[in-house]
Amino acid sequence: MKAYRDAALDALGDPTRRAIFERLGKGPSAVGELADALPVSRPAVSQHLKVLKEAGLVIDQAVGTKRVYRLNPQGIDGLRVYFTQFWSTAMSAFQDEVTRRAADAPRKEKP
């Protein structure tokens, strides 16, 4: 599970892959449609899609002579779980620090 999460985060670290990912968030697209909306070639889009697919973030399906790509709900859910857990841990640490500082404040104010 960690390997897939790391691969997904690494995949989204590239601005072109992130743009493709965001575009697929609006709906399924074929490689040509994605390439038309980006300043990269069709072969480059295909390579980026391969990385996103290997990371578990997109899935594809043959439709006639085209391959149509869409976001993979399972991959997205894995990222959601990671970020929810990350955020919960960060907020707990923040709350602990606020509580600690509040407890220390009266001691520091005493002469």
C-alpha atoms as a PDB file:
ATOM      1  CA  MET A   1       0.000   0.000   0.000  1.00  0.00           C
ATOM      2  CA  LYS A   2       2.808   2.425   0.896  1.00  0.00           C
ATOM      3  CA  ALA A   3       4.551   1.746  -2.416  1.00  0.00           C
ATOM      4  CA  TYR A   4       1.407   2.649  -4.374  1.00  0.00           C
ATOM      5  CA  ARG A   5       0.897   5.795  -2.308  1.00  0.00           C
ATOM      6  CA  ASP A   6       4.517   6.829  -2.849  1.00  0.00           C
ATOM      7  CA  ALA A   7       4.224   6.133  -6.582  1.00  0.00           C
ATOM      8  CA  ALA A   8       1.035   8.202  -6.731  1.00  0.00           C
ATOM      9  CA  LEU A   9       2.623  11.136  -4.925  1.00  0.00           C
ATOM     10  CA  ASP A  10       5.721  10.903  -7.115  1.00  0.00           C
ATOM     11  CA  ALA A  11       3.557  10.775 -10.249  1.00  0.00           C
ATOM     12  CA  LEU A  12       1.677  13.901  -9.231  1.00  0.00           C
ATOM     13  CA  GLY A  13       4.955  15.714  -8.558  1.00  0.00           C
ATOM     14  CA  ASP A  14       5.314  16.343 -12.288  1.00  0.00           C
ATOM     15  CA  PRO A  15       3.338  19.396 -13.487  1.00  0.00           C
ATOM     16  CA  THR A  16       2.302  17.795 -16.787  1.00  0.00           C
ATOM     17  CA  ARG A  17       1.041  14.644 -15.067  1.00  0.00           C
ATOM     18  CA  ARG A  18      -0.779  16.788 -12.540  1.00  0.00           C
ATOM     19  CA  ALA A  19      -2.418  18.708 -15.399  1.00  0.00           C
ATOM     20  CA  ILE A  20      -3.480  15.435 -17.029  1.00  0.00           C
ATOM     21  CA  PHE A  21      -4.785  14.157 -13.686  1.00  0.00           C
ATOM     22  CA  GLU A  22      -6.778  17.363 -13.133  1.00  0.00           C
ATOM     23  CA  ARG A  23      -8.159  17.231 -16.670  1.00  0.00           C
ATOM     24  CA  LEU A  24      -9.299  13.643 -16.129  1.00  0.00           C
ATOM     25  CA  GLY A  25     -11.043  14.864 -12.982  1.00  0.00           C
ATOM     26  CA  LYS A  26     -13.458  16.612 -15.347  1.00  0.00           C
ATOM     27  CA  GLY A  27     -14.203  13.401 -17.218  1.00  0.00           C
ATOM     28  CA  PRO A  28     -12.723  10.611 -19.313  1.00  0.00           C
ATOM     29  CA  SER A  29     -10.535  11.527 -22.280  1.00  0.00           C
ATOM     30  CA  ALA A  30      -8.575   9.906 -25.059  1.00  0.00           C
ATOM     31  CA  VAL A  31      -4.862  10.592 -25.479  1.00  0.00           C
ATOM     32  CA  GLY A  32      -5.456  12.892 -28.450  1.00  0.00           C
ATOM     33  CA  GLU A  33      -7.969  15.002 -26.542  1.00  0.00           C
ATOM     34  CA  LEU A  34      -5.537  15.367 -23.663  1.00  0.00           C
ATOM     35  CA  ALA A  35      -2.659  16.254 -26.004  1.00  0.00           C
ATOM     36  CA  ASP A  36      -4.783  18.895 -27.730  1.00  0.00           C
ATOM     37  CA  ALA A  37      -5.301  20.620 -24.371  1.00  0.00           C
ATOM     38  CA  LEU A  38      -1.628  20.506 -23.342  1.00  0.00           C
ATOM     39  CA  PRO A  39       1.625  21.903 -24.738  1.00  0.00           C
ATOM     40  CA  VAL A  40       3.096  18.401 -25.146  1.00  0.00           C
ATOM     41  CA  SER A  41       2.996  15.773 -27.866  1.00  0.00           C
ATOM     42  CA  ARG A  42       0.722  12.743 -27.976  1.00  0.00           C
ATOM     43  CA  PRO A  43       3.659  10.393 -27.295  1.00  0.00           C
ATOM     44  CA  ALA A  44       4.591  12.490 -24.246  1.00  0.00           C
ATOM     45  CA  VAL A  45       0.993  12.365 -22.990  1.00  0.00           C
ATOM     46  CA  SER A  46       1.021   8.586 -23.485  1.00  0.00           C
ATOM     47  CA  GLN A  47       4.191   8.289 -21.407  1.00  0.00           C
ATOM     48  CA  HIS A  48       2.703  10.451 -18.643  1.00  0.00           C
ATOM     49  CA  LEU A  49      -0.462   8.348 -18.686  1.00  0.00           C
ATOM     50  CA  LYS A  50       1.653   5.215 -18.372  1.00  0.00           C
ATOM     51  CA  VAL A  51       3.236   6.611 -15.178  1.00  0.00           C
ATOM     52  CA  LEU A  52      -0.180   7.637 -13.799  1.00  0.00           C
ATOM     53  CA  LYS A  53      -1.558   4.187 -14.617  1.00  0.00           C
ATOM     54  CA  GLU A  54       1.378   2.390 -12.966  1.00  0.00           C
ATOM     55  CA  ALA A  55       0.813   4.598  -9.905  1.00  0.00           C
ATOM     56  CA  GLY A  56      -2.803   3.419  -9.790  1.00  0.00           C
ATOM     57  CA  LEU A  57      -4.264   6.864 -10.438  1.00  0.00           C
ATOM     58  CA  VAL A  58      -5.836   6.243 -13.851  1.00  0.00           C
ATOM     59  CA  ILE A  59      -7.408   3.346 -15.671  1.00  0.00           C
ATOM     60  CA  ASP A  60      -8.016   2.941 -19.374  1.00  0.00           C
ATOM     61  CA  GLN A  61     -10.454   1.216 -21.646  1.00  0.00           C
ATOM     62  CA  ALA A  62     -10.434   0.505 -25.351  1.00  0.00           C
ATOM     63  CA  VAL A  63     -13.237   2.312 -27.150  1.00  0.00           C
ATOM     64  CA  GLY A  64     -13.016   1.520 -30.841  1.00  0.00           C
ATOM     65  CA  THR A  65      -9.509   2.444 -31.935  1.00  0.00           C
ATOM     66  CA  LYS A  66      -8.930   4.787 -28.997  1.00  0.00           C
ATOM     67  CA  ARG A  67      -7.899   4.253 -25.411  1.00  0.00           C
ATOM     68  CA  VAL A  68     -10.011   6.333 -23.065  1.00  0.00           C
ATOM     69  CA  TYR A  69      -8.505   7.217 -19.701  1.00  0.00           C
ATOM     70  CA  ARG A  70     -10.322   8.063 -16.488  1.00  0.00           C
ATOM     71  CA  LEU A  71      -9.383   8.509 -12.865  1.00  0.00           C
ATOM     72  CA  ASN A  72      -9.143   5.318 -10.827  1.00  0.00           C
ATOM     73  CA  PRO A  73     -11.466   5.708  -7.805  1.00  0.00           C
ATOM     74  CA  GLN A  74      -9.417   3.209  -5.790  1.00  0.00           C
ATOM     75  CA  GLY A  75      -6.197   5.144  -6.380  1.00  0.00           C
ATOM     76  CA  ILE A  76      -7.893   8.420  -5.506  1.00  0.00           C
ATOM     77  CA  ASP A  77      -9.321   6.881  -2.351  1.00  0.00           C
ATOM     78  CA  GLY A  78      -5.846   5.719  -1.322  1.00  0.00           C
ATOM     79  CA  LEU A  79      -4.580   9.296  -1.578  1.00  0.00           C
ATOM     80  CA  ARG A  80      -7.622  10.597   0.287  1.00  0.00           C
ATOM     81  CA  VAL A  81      -6.992   8.180   3.149  1.00  0.00           C
ATOM     82  CA  TYR A  82      -3.327   9.199   3.269  1.00  0.00           C
ATOM     83  CA  PHE A  83      -4.067  12.924   3.338  1.00  0.00           C
ATOM     84  CA  THR A  84      -6.885  12.521   5.869  1.00  0.00           C
ATOM     85  CA  GLN A  85      -4.558  10.597   8.162  1.00  0.00           C
ATOM     86  CA  PHE A  86      -1.745  13.098   7.564  1.00  0.00           C
ATOM     87  CA  TRP A  87      -4.038  16.033   8.325  1.00  0.00           C
ATOM     88  CA  SER A  88      -5.429  14.386  11.477  1.00  0.00           C
ATOM     89  CA  THR A  89      -1.915  13.729  12.764  1.00  0.00           C
ATOM     90  CA  ALA A  90      -0.811  17.287  11.977  1.00  0.00           C
ATOM     91  CA  MET A  91      -3.863  18.791  13.685  1.00  0.00           C
ATOM     92  CA  SER A  92      -3.358  16.587  16.757  1.00  0.00           C
ATOM     93  CA  ALA A  93       0.273  17.704  16.967  1.00  0.00           C
ATOM     94  CA  PHE A  94      -0.831  21.324  16.626  1.00  0.00           C
ATOM     95  CA  GLN A  95      -3.415  20.889  19.389  1.00  0.00           C
ATOM     96  CA  ASP A  96      -0.802  19.252  21.647  1.00  0.00           C
ATOM     97  CA  GLU A  97       1.572  22.178  21.065  1.00  0.00           C
ATOM     98  CA  VAL A  98      -1.144  24.761  21.794  1.00  0.00           C
ATOM     99  CA  THR A  99      -2.053  22.929  24.990  1.00  0.00           C
ATOM    100  CA  ARG A 100       1.612  22.701  26.029  1.00  0.00           C
ATOM    101  CA  ARG A 101       2.213  26.397  25.402  1.00  0.00           C
ATOM    102  CA  ALA A 102      -0.949  27.323  27.260  1.00  0.00           C
ATOM    103  CA  ALA A 103       0.200  25.253  30.250  1.00  0.00           C
ATOM    104  CA  ASP A 104       3.700  26.819  30.124  1.00  0.00           C
ATOM    105  CA  ALA A 105       2.471  30.410  29.751  1.00  0.00           C
ATOM    106  CA  PRO A 106       1.500  30.982  33.409  1.00  0.00           C
ATOM    107  CA  ARG A 107       4.902  29.666  34.569  1.00  0.00           C
ATOM    108  CA  LYS A 108       6.766  32.055  32.296  1.00  0.00           C
ATOM    109  CA  GLU A 109       4.744  35.061  33.498  1.00  0.00           C
ATOM    110  CA  LYS A 110       5.640  34.564  37.185  1.00  0.00           C
ATOM    111  CA  PRO A 111       8.498  36.798  38.398  1.00  0.00           C
END
